[in-house]
């Protein structure tokens, strides 16, 4: 399974998102060091990749946490038990990684 973290230039959540993704993948038994970071730098690329904001967590080419918003070169917000934030909760990301179609 290929894992990718998609971000935009200057995203303040890029480093914490990569750390979170690697920790969750390792906890779920995946090779966390194999996460590729891809920087999305144009609206065209965002549209082509169906990129719904930074950071986005991708497995096998699919967004692990689908969004209803239009593709855009923007920051992404996640709803958590503590309100809206720039990163998903550990529980949300772990659930998404465990979902059918996410496992290797």
C-alpha atoms as a PDB file:
ATOM      1  CA  UNK A   1       0.000   0.000   0.000  1.00  0.00           C
ATOM      2  CA  UNK A   2       1.290   3.434  -0.916  1.00  0.00           C
ATOM      3  CA  UNK A   3       0.813   6.196   1.638  1.00  0.00           C
ATOM      4  CA  UNK A   4       1.071   9.865   0.801  1.00  0.00           C
ATOM      5  CA  UNK A   5       0.694  13.075   2.749  1.00  0.00           C
ATOM      6  CA  UNK A   6      -0.441  15.914   0.506  1.00  0.00           C
ATOM      7  CA  UNK A   7       0.249  19.465   1.604  1.00  0.00           C
ATOM      8  CA  UNK A   8       0.488  22.982   0.220  1.00  0.00           C
ATOM      9  CA  UNK A   9       3.564  25.226   0.353  1.00  0.00           C
ATOM     10  CA  UNK A  10       3.983  26.766   3.786  1.00  0.00           C
ATOM     11  CA  UNK A  11       1.379  24.572   5.488  1.00  0.00           C
ATOM     12  CA  UNK A  12       1.845  25.003   9.257  1.00  0.00           C
ATOM     13  CA  UNK A  13       0.433  21.511   9.829  1.00  0.00           C
ATOM     14  CA  UNK A  14       2.712  19.652   7.389  1.00  0.00           C
ATOM     15  CA  UNK A  15       5.319  18.502   9.925  1.00  0.00           C
ATOM     16  CA  UNK A  16       2.840  17.563  12.680  1.00  0.00           C
ATOM     17  CA  UNK A  17       0.671  15.794  10.072  1.00  0.00           C
ATOM     18  CA  UNK A  18       3.607  13.697   8.873  1.00  0.00           C
ATOM     19  CA  UNK A  19       4.471  12.770  12.458  1.00  0.00           C
ATOM     20  CA  UNK A  20       0.827  11.876  13.159  1.00  0.00           C
ATOM     21  CA  UNK A  21       0.492   9.814   9.961  1.00  0.00           C
ATOM     22  CA  UNK A  22       3.697   7.876  10.646  1.00  0.00           C
ATOM     23  CA  UNK A  23       2.676   7.197  14.260  1.00  0.00           C
ATOM     24  CA  UNK A  24      -0.789   5.960  13.259  1.00  0.00           C
ATOM     25  CA  UNK A  25       0.571   3.782  10.454  1.00  0.00           C
ATOM     26  CA  UNK A  26       3.172   2.244  12.769  1.00  0.00           C
ATOM     27  CA  UNK A  27       0.496   1.567  15.407  1.00  0.00           C
ATOM     28  CA  UNK A  28      -1.583  -0.193  12.745  1.00  0.00           C
ATOM     29  CA  UNK A  29       1.343  -2.346  11.604  1.00  0.00           C
ATOM     30  CA  UNK A  30       2.280  -0.523   8.396  1.00  0.00           C
ATOM     31  CA  UNK A  31       5.763   0.591   7.361  1.00  0.00           C
ATOM     32  CA  UNK A  32       5.484   4.203   8.440  1.00  0.00           C
ATOM     33  CA  UNK A  33       8.763   5.268   6.876  1.00  0.00           C
ATOM     34  CA  UNK A  34       7.260   4.753   3.422  1.00  0.00           C
ATOM     35  CA  UNK A  35       5.040   7.845   3.564  1.00  0.00           C
ATOM     36  CA  UNK A  36       5.653  10.103   0.578  1.00  0.00           C
ATOM     37  CA  UNK A  37       5.110  13.827   1.010  1.00  0.00           C
ATOM     38  CA  UNK A  38       3.655  15.572  -2.037  1.00  0.00           C
ATOM     39  CA  UNK A  39       3.363  19.329  -2.181  1.00  0.00           C
ATOM     40  CA  UNK A  40       0.426  20.547  -4.239  1.00  0.00           C
ATOM     41  CA  UNK A  41       1.272  23.912  -5.763  1.00  0.00           C
ATOM     42  CA  UNK A  42      -1.478  24.802  -8.242  1.00  0.00           C
ATOM     43  CA  UNK A  43      -5.265  24.846  -8.451  1.00  0.00           C
ATOM     44  CA  UNK A  44      -5.018  22.664 -11.562  1.00  0.00           C
ATOM     45  CA  UNK A  45      -3.071  20.007  -9.676  1.00  0.00           C
ATOM     46  CA  UNK A  46      -5.539  20.240  -6.772  1.00  0.00           C
ATOM     47  CA  UNK A  47      -8.414  19.621  -9.188  1.00  0.00           C
ATOM     48  CA  UNK A  48      -6.658  16.725 -10.956  1.00  0.00           C
ATOM     49  CA  UNK A  49      -5.862  14.995  -7.655  1.00  0.00           C
ATOM     50  CA  UNK A  50      -9.202  15.825  -6.003  1.00  0.00           C
ATOM     51  CA  UNK A  51      -7.177  17.536  -3.275  1.00  0.00           C
ATOM     52  CA  UNK A  52      -9.421  18.954  -0.560  1.00  0.00           C
ATOM     53  CA  UNK A  53      -6.859  20.911   1.396  1.00  0.00           C
ATOM     54  CA  UNK A  54      -3.693  20.571   3.385  1.00  0.00           C
ATOM     55  CA  UNK A  55      -2.913  18.262   5.003  1.00  0.00           C
ATOM     56  CA  UNK A  56      -4.614  15.312   3.272  1.00  0.00           C
ATOM     57  CA  UNK A  57      -3.882  11.713   4.201  1.00  0.00           C
ATOM     58  CA  UNK A  58      -3.820   9.369   1.196  1.00  0.00           C
ATOM     59  CA  UNK A  59      -3.684   5.551   0.942  1.00  0.00           C
ATOM     60  CA  UNK A  60      -3.547   3.796  -2.407  1.00  0.00           C
ATOM     61  CA  UNK A  61      -4.423   7.070  -4.130  1.00  0.00           C
ATOM     62  CA  UNK A  62      -7.585   7.601  -2.063  1.00  0.00           C
ATOM     63  CA  UNK A  63      -8.224  10.267   0.555  1.00  0.00           C
ATOM     64  CA  UNK A  64      -8.562   8.432   3.867  1.00  0.00           C
ATOM     65  CA  UNK A  65     -10.908  11.102   5.213  1.00  0.00           C
ATOM     66  CA  UNK A  66     -13.175  12.115   2.321  1.00  0.00           C
ATOM     67  CA  UNK A  67     -14.360  15.702   2.197  1.00  0.00           C
ATOM     68  CA  UNK A  68     -17.490  17.248   0.703  1.00  0.00           C
ATOM     69  CA  UNK A  69     -15.735  20.470  -0.253  1.00  0.00           C
ATOM     70  CA  UNK A  70     -14.587  21.274  -3.771  1.00  0.00           C
ATOM     71  CA  UNK A  71     -10.936  20.551  -4.583  1.00  0.00           C
ATOM     72  CA  UNK A  72      -8.802  23.576  -3.703  1.00  0.00           C
ATOM     73  CA  UNK A  73      -5.317  24.780  -2.930  1.00  0.00           C
ATOM     74  CA  UNK A  74      -6.140  25.610   0.688  1.00  0.00           C
ATOM     75  CA  UNK A  75      -5.796  24.623   4.318  1.00  0.00           C
ATOM     76  CA  UNK A  76      -7.977  21.784   5.519  1.00  0.00           C
ATOM     77  CA  UNK A  77      -9.943  21.593   8.735  1.00  0.00           C
ATOM     78  CA  UNK A  78     -11.017  18.485  10.622  1.00  0.00           C
ATOM     79  CA  UNK A  79     -13.811  18.167  13.176  1.00  0.00           C
ATOM     80  CA  UNK A  80     -12.610  16.576  16.401  1.00  0.00           C
ATOM     81  CA  UNK A  81     -13.954  16.144  19.907  1.00  0.00           C
ATOM     82  CA  UNK A  82     -12.127  19.368  20.757  1.00  0.00           C
ATOM     83  CA  UNK A  83     -13.651  21.411  17.935  1.00  0.00           C
ATOM     84  CA  UNK A  84     -12.282  22.197  14.505  1.00  0.00           C
ATOM     85  CA  UNK A  85      -8.530  21.904  13.983  1.00  0.00           C
ATOM     86  CA  UNK A  86      -5.920  21.538  11.254  1.00  0.00           C
ATOM     87  CA  UNK A  87      -5.290  17.849  12.008  1.00  0.00           C
ATOM     88  CA  UNK A  88      -7.616  14.882  12.424  1.00  0.00           C
ATOM     89  CA  UNK A  89      -7.721  13.150  15.786  1.00  0.00           C
ATOM     90  CA  UNK A  90      -5.597  10.054  16.245  1.00  0.00           C
ATOM     91  CA  UNK A  91      -8.802   8.020  16.561  1.00  0.00           C
ATOM     92  CA  UNK A  92     -10.267   9.357  13.305  1.00  0.00           C
ATOM     93  CA  UNK A  93      -7.085   8.654  11.367  1.00  0.00           C
ATOM     94  CA  UNK A  94      -6.665   5.178  12.888  1.00  0.00           C
ATOM     95  CA  UNK A  95     -10.265   4.332  11.989  1.00  0.00           C
ATOM     96  CA  UNK A  96      -9.691   5.559   8.436  1.00  0.00           C
ATOM     97  CA  UNK A  97      -6.506   3.491   8.076  1.00  0.00           C
ATOM     98  CA  UNK A  98      -8.350   0.379   9.314  1.00  0.00           C
ATOM     99  CA  UNK A  99     -11.290   0.863   6.901  1.00  0.00           C
ATOM    100  CA  UNK A 100     -11.870  -1.694   4.130  1.00  0.00           C
ATOM    101  CA  UNK A 101      -9.726  -0.871   1.138  1.00  0.00           C
ATOM    102  CA  UNK A 102      -7.081   0.823   3.282  1.00  0.00           C
ATOM    103  CA  UNK A 103      -5.295  -2.312   4.393  1.00  0.00           C
ATOM    104  CA  UNK A 104      -2.437  -3.906   2.506  1.00  0.00           C
END
